[in-house]
Amino acid sequence: QVFSQRCPFLLGPIESLVAEVTPDTDIQVTLSIFELASAAGIPCEVDPALVTALAGHRTEGLSPEEEYKVSCLLLVFVAVSLPLLAADPASLYSPELDG
């Protein structure tokens, strides 16, 4: 809020970039835009910090036990996030997006 009041000339172009992201946009471009928006305090559809953390833990060459641990941790993340999203009045289920 302070950023939008003090520097609207910086926030406007970032919001325009976020509005232009579509599902057809290249994933690297999308992640770059969302990282910029997240740093500016604009909520994004995808959390760039989570994507970076998951990309750093590629499962190539991991033992099946390690892959199992990673999948369990991802399920725990989803289980913790769902109640928070359900309690958020801005959360909305969209049948077109199946989510």
N, C-alpha and C. Protein backbone atom coordinates (compact mmCIF):
# COMPACT_ATOMS: atom_id res chain seq x y z
N GLN A 1 0.82 -1.19 0.00
CA GLN A 1 0.00 0.00 0.00
C GLN A 1 0.87 1.25 0.00
N VAL A 2 1.91 1.26 0.82
CA VAL A 2 2.81 2.40 0.87
C VAL A 2 3.54 2.55 -0.46
N PHE A 3 3.94 1.42 -1.03
CA PHE A 3 4.65 1.44 -2.31
C PHE A 3 3.77 2.05 -3.40
N SER A 4 2.48 1.70 -3.40
CA SER A 4 1.58 2.25 -4.41
C SER A 4 1.34 3.75 -4.20
N GLN A 5 1.40 4.21 -2.98
CA GLN A 5 1.21 5.64 -2.71
C GLN A 5 2.47 6.44 -3.02
N ARG A 6 3.62 5.88 -2.69
CA ARG A 6 4.87 6.62 -2.85
C ARG A 6 5.46 6.50 -4.26
N CYS A 7 5.30 5.35 -4.88
CA CYS A 7 5.92 5.11 -6.19
C CYS A 7 4.93 4.50 -7.17
N PRO A 8 3.83 5.18 -7.48
CA PRO A 8 2.87 4.58 -8.41
C PRO A 8 3.44 4.40 -9.81
N PHE A 9 4.44 5.20 -10.16
CA PHE A 9 5.06 5.08 -11.48
C PHE A 9 5.87 3.79 -11.61
N LEU A 10 6.27 3.19 -10.49
CA LEU A 10 6.96 1.90 -10.53
C LEU A 10 5.98 0.74 -10.41
N LEU A 11 4.96 0.91 -9.62
CA LEU A 11 4.02 -0.17 -9.37
C LEU A 11 3.10 -0.41 -10.58
N GLY A 12 2.73 0.64 -11.29
CA GLY A 12 1.84 0.50 -12.44
C GLY A 12 2.36 -0.43 -13.51
N PRO A 13 3.61 -0.27 -13.96
CA PRO A 13 4.12 -1.19 -14.98
C PRO A 13 4.22 -2.64 -14.50
N ILE A 14 4.54 -2.82 -13.22
CA ILE A 14 4.62 -4.19 -12.68
C ILE A 14 3.24 -4.83 -12.69
N GLU A 15 2.21 -4.08 -12.27
CA GLU A 15 0.85 -4.61 -12.30
C GLU A 15 0.41 -4.91 -13.73
N SER A 16 0.84 -4.10 -14.68
CA SER A 16 0.50 -4.34 -16.08
C SER A 16 1.15 -5.63 -16.58
N LEU A 17 2.39 -5.86 -16.17
CA LEU A 17 3.06 -7.10 -16.56
C LEU A 17 2.33 -8.32 -16.01
N VAL A 18 1.94 -8.25 -14.74
CA VAL A 18 1.24 -9.37 -14.11
C VAL A 18 -0.10 -9.62 -14.81
N ALA A 19 -0.77 -8.56 -15.21
CA ALA A 19 -2.06 -8.71 -15.89
C ALA A 19 -1.91 -9.35 -17.27
N GLU A 20 -0.74 -9.22 -17.88
CA GLU A 20 -0.52 -9.77 -19.22
C GLU A 20 -0.12 -11.23 -19.22
N VAL A 21 0.17 -11.81 -18.05
CA VAL A 21 0.58 -13.21 -17.98
C VAL A 21 -0.63 -14.09 -18.26
N THR A 22 -0.47 -15.01 -19.20
CA THR A 22 -1.52 -15.97 -19.54
C THR A 22 -0.94 -17.38 -19.38
N PRO A 23 -1.79 -18.40 -19.39
CA PRO A 23 -1.26 -19.77 -19.32
C PRO A 23 -0.37 -20.13 -20.50
N ASP A 24 -0.47 -19.41 -21.61
CA ASP A 24 0.36 -19.69 -22.78
C ASP A 24 1.73 -19.03 -22.71
N THR A 25 1.94 -18.15 -21.74
CA THR A 25 3.22 -17.46 -21.60
C THR A 25 4.30 -18.46 -21.20
N ASP A 26 5.50 -18.26 -21.72
CA ASP A 26 6.64 -19.11 -21.38
C ASP A 26 6.83 -19.15 -19.87
N ILE A 27 7.12 -20.33 -19.35
CA ILE A 27 7.19 -20.52 -17.90
C ILE A 27 8.32 -19.69 -17.28
N GLN A 28 9.45 -19.55 -17.97
CA GLN A 28 10.55 -18.76 -17.42
C GLN A 28 10.17 -17.28 -17.36
N VAL A 29 9.47 -16.79 -18.37
CA VAL A 29 9.01 -15.40 -18.38
C VAL A 29 8.00 -15.20 -17.26
N THR A 30 7.08 -16.14 -17.12
CA THR A 30 6.06 -16.06 -16.07
C THR A 30 6.70 -16.01 -14.69
N LEU A 31 7.67 -16.90 -14.45
CA LEU A 31 8.33 -16.92 -13.14
C LEU A 31 9.10 -15.62 -12.88
N SER A 32 9.71 -15.06 -13.91
CA SER A 32 10.43 -13.80 -13.74
C SER A 32 9.47 -12.67 -13.38
N ILE A 33 8.34 -12.63 -14.06
CA ILE A 33 7.34 -11.58 -13.77
C ILE A 33 6.77 -11.75 -12.37
N PHE A 34 6.45 -13.00 -11.99
CA PHE A 34 5.91 -13.24 -10.66
C PHE A 34 6.94 -12.95 -9.57
N GLU A 35 8.21 -13.20 -9.84
CA GLU A 35 9.24 -12.88 -8.85
C GLU A 35 9.34 -11.37 -8.66
N LEU A 36 9.27 -10.63 -9.75
CA LEU A 36 9.28 -9.16 -9.67
C LEU A 36 8.05 -8.66 -8.90
N ALA A 37 6.89 -9.22 -9.23
CA ALA A 37 5.65 -8.79 -8.56
C ALA A 37 5.67 -9.16 -7.08
N SER A 38 6.17 -10.32 -6.77
CA SER A 38 6.24 -10.74 -5.37
C SER A 38 7.16 -9.82 -4.58
N ALA A 39 8.27 -9.41 -5.18
CA ALA A 39 9.19 -8.50 -4.50
C ALA A 39 8.55 -7.13 -4.28
N ALA A 40 7.62 -6.76 -5.17
CA ALA A 40 6.92 -5.48 -5.03
C ALA A 40 5.72 -5.58 -4.10
N GLY A 41 5.41 -6.79 -3.63
CA GLY A 41 4.30 -6.97 -2.70
C GLY A 41 2.97 -7.23 -3.37
N ILE A 42 2.99 -7.58 -4.65
CA ILE A 42 1.76 -7.87 -5.38
C ILE A 42 1.51 -9.37 -5.28
N PRO A 43 0.30 -9.79 -4.88
CA PRO A 43 0.02 -11.23 -4.80
C PRO A 43 0.06 -11.87 -6.19
N CYS A 44 0.58 -13.08 -6.25
CA CYS A 44 0.75 -13.79 -7.52
C CYS A 44 0.05 -15.14 -7.46
N GLU A 45 -0.24 -15.70 -8.64
CA GLU A 45 -0.86 -17.02 -8.73
C GLU A 45 0.12 -18.10 -8.31
N VAL A 46 1.39 -17.90 -8.59
CA VAL A 46 2.43 -18.88 -8.30
C VAL A 46 3.44 -18.22 -7.37
N ASP A 47 3.83 -18.94 -6.33
CA ASP A 47 4.82 -18.43 -5.39
C ASP A 47 6.21 -18.69 -5.95
N PRO A 48 6.94 -17.64 -6.37
CA PRO A 48 8.25 -17.87 -6.98
C PRO A 48 9.26 -18.46 -6.00
N ALA A 49 9.14 -18.16 -4.72
CA ALA A 49 10.07 -18.73 -3.74
C ALA A 49 9.88 -20.24 -3.63
N LEU A 50 8.64 -20.70 -3.68
CA LEU A 50 8.38 -22.14 -3.62
C LEU A 50 8.89 -22.82 -4.88
N VAL A 51 8.70 -22.20 -6.03
CA VAL A 51 9.18 -22.78 -7.29
C VAL A 51 10.70 -22.90 -7.26
N THR A 52 11.37 -21.87 -6.76
CA THR A 52 12.82 -21.90 -6.67
C THR A 52 13.29 -22.99 -5.71
N ALA A 53 12.60 -23.12 -4.59
CA ALA A 53 12.98 -24.15 -3.62
C ALA A 53 12.77 -25.55 -4.18
N LEU A 54 11.66 -25.75 -4.88
CA LEU A 54 11.41 -27.07 -5.46
C LEU A 54 12.35 -27.36 -6.63
N ALA A 55 12.70 -26.34 -7.40
CA ALA A 55 13.62 -26.54 -8.52
C ALA A 55 15.01 -26.92 -8.03
N GLY A 56 15.38 -26.42 -6.87
CA GLY A 56 16.69 -26.76 -6.30
C GLY A 56 16.76 -28.17 -5.78
N HIS A 57 15.64 -28.82 -5.62
CA HIS A 57 15.60 -30.18 -5.10
C HIS A 57 15.10 -31.15 -6.15
N ARG A 58 15.73 -31.14 -7.29
CA ARG A 58 15.33 -32.05 -8.36
C ARG A 58 15.49 -33.48 -7.87
N THR A 59 14.60 -34.33 -8.30
CA THR A 59 14.59 -35.71 -7.80
C THR A 59 15.44 -36.65 -8.65
N GLU A 60 16.15 -36.13 -9.64
CA GLU A 60 16.99 -36.99 -10.46
C GLU A 60 18.13 -37.55 -9.62
N GLY A 61 18.28 -38.84 -9.63
CA GLY A 61 19.36 -39.47 -8.90
C GLY A 61 19.07 -39.71 -7.43
N LEU A 62 17.89 -39.33 -6.95
CA LEU A 62 17.56 -39.57 -5.55
C LEU A 62 17.07 -41.00 -5.36
N SER A 63 17.28 -41.50 -4.18
CA SER A 63 16.79 -42.83 -3.87
C SER A 63 15.27 -42.78 -3.72
N PRO A 64 14.61 -43.91 -3.86
CA PRO A 64 13.15 -43.93 -3.69
C PRO A 64 12.70 -43.44 -2.31
N GLU A 65 13.53 -43.67 -1.29
CA GLU A 65 13.17 -43.20 0.04
C GLU A 65 13.17 -41.67 0.10
N GLU A 66 14.15 -41.05 -0.54
CA GLU A 66 14.21 -39.59 -0.57
C GLU A 66 13.05 -39.01 -1.37
N GLU A 67 12.71 -39.63 -2.49
CA GLU A 67 11.56 -39.17 -3.28
C GLU A 67 10.28 -39.27 -2.46
N TYR A 68 10.15 -40.33 -1.68
CA TYR A 68 8.98 -40.51 -0.83
C TYR A 68 8.90 -39.40 0.22
N LYS A 69 10.04 -39.05 0.82
CA LYS A 69 10.07 -37.97 1.82
C LYS A 69 9.66 -36.64 1.21
N VAL A 70 10.17 -36.35 0.01
CA VAL A 70 9.83 -35.10 -0.66
C VAL A 70 8.34 -35.05 -0.97
N SER A 71 7.79 -36.16 -1.46
CA SER A 71 6.35 -36.17 -1.77
C SER A 71 5.51 -36.02 -0.50
N CYS A 72 5.94 -36.60 0.60
CA CYS A 72 5.22 -36.43 1.86
C CYS A 72 5.28 -34.98 2.34
N LEU A 73 6.42 -34.34 2.19
CA LEU A 73 6.54 -32.94 2.59
C LEU A 73 5.66 -32.05 1.73
N LEU A 74 5.54 -32.37 0.45
CA LEU A 74 4.66 -31.59 -0.42
C LEU A 74 3.21 -31.77 0.00
N LEU A 75 2.82 -32.98 0.39
CA LEU A 75 1.46 -33.21 0.87
C LEU A 75 1.20 -32.45 2.17
N VAL A 76 2.19 -32.38 3.03
CA VAL A 76 2.04 -31.61 4.27
C VAL A 76 1.86 -30.13 3.95
N PHE A 77 2.62 -29.63 2.97
CA PHE A 77 2.47 -28.23 2.55
C PHE A 77 1.05 -27.97 2.07
N VAL A 78 0.52 -28.86 1.27
CA VAL A 78 -0.85 -28.69 0.76
C VAL A 78 -1.84 -28.76 1.91
N ALA A 79 -1.65 -29.70 2.84
CA ALA A 79 -2.57 -29.86 3.96
C ALA A 79 -2.58 -28.62 4.87
N VAL A 80 -1.43 -27.98 5.02
CA VAL A 80 -1.35 -26.79 5.84
C VAL A 80 -1.96 -25.59 5.10
N SER A 81 -1.80 -25.54 3.79
CA SER A 81 -2.29 -24.40 3.00
C SER A 81 -3.80 -24.42 2.81
N LEU A 82 -4.40 -25.58 2.68
CA LEU A 82 -5.83 -25.66 2.38
C LEU A 82 -6.71 -24.97 3.41
N PRO A 83 -6.52 -25.19 4.72
CA PRO A 83 -7.38 -24.47 5.68
C PRO A 83 -7.21 -22.95 5.61
N LEU A 84 -5.98 -22.51 5.36
CA LEU A 84 -5.76 -21.07 5.25
C LEU A 84 -6.46 -20.50 4.02
N LEU A 85 -6.40 -21.22 2.92
CA LEU A 85 -7.07 -20.77 1.70
C LEU A 85 -8.59 -20.84 1.85
N ALA A 86 -9.08 -21.85 2.54
CA ALA A 86 -10.53 -21.99 2.73
C ALA A 86 -11.08 -20.87 3.62
N ALA A 87 -10.29 -20.41 4.57
CA ALA A 87 -10.74 -19.35 5.47
C ALA A 87 -10.63 -17.97 4.84
N ASP A 88 -9.86 -17.85 3.77
CA ASP A 88 -9.67 -16.56 3.11
C ASP A 88 -10.92 -16.21 2.30
N PRO A 89 -11.56 -15.08 2.58
CA PRO A 89 -12.78 -14.72 1.84
C PRO A 89 -12.51 -14.44 0.36
N ALA A 90 -11.25 -14.16 0.00
CA ALA A 90 -10.93 -13.89 -1.40
C ALA A 90 -10.73 -15.17 -2.20
N SER A 91 -10.64 -16.33 -1.52
CA SER A 91 -10.46 -17.60 -2.23
C SER A 91 -11.76 -17.99 -2.91
N LEU A 92 -11.63 -18.51 -4.09
CA LEU A 92 -12.80 -18.85 -4.89
C LEU A 92 -12.49 -20.07 -5.73
N TYR A 93 -13.40 -21.02 -5.77
CA TYR A 93 -13.23 -22.18 -6.63
C TYR A 93 -13.77 -21.86 -8.01
N SER A 94 -12.96 -22.10 -9.01
CA SER A 94 -13.36 -21.83 -10.38
C SER A 94 -13.48 -23.17 -11.13
N PRO A 95 -14.69 -23.56 -11.54
CA PRO A 95 -14.84 -24.83 -12.27
C PRO A 95 -14.08 -24.83 -13.60
N GLU A 96 -13.90 -23.67 -14.21
CA GLU A 96 -13.16 -23.61 -15.47
C GLU A 96 -11.70 -23.99 -15.27
N LEU A 97 -11.15 -23.62 -14.12
CA LEU A 97 -9.74 -23.89 -13.84
C LEU A 97 -9.55 -25.15 -13.01
N ASP A 98 -10.64 -25.77 -12.54
CA ASP A 98 -10.57 -26.93 -11.65
C ASP A 98 -9.75 -26.62 -10.41
N GLY A 99 -9.89 -25.42 -9.91
CA GLY A 99 -9.14 -25.08 -8.71
C GLY A 99 -9.52 -23.73 -8.18
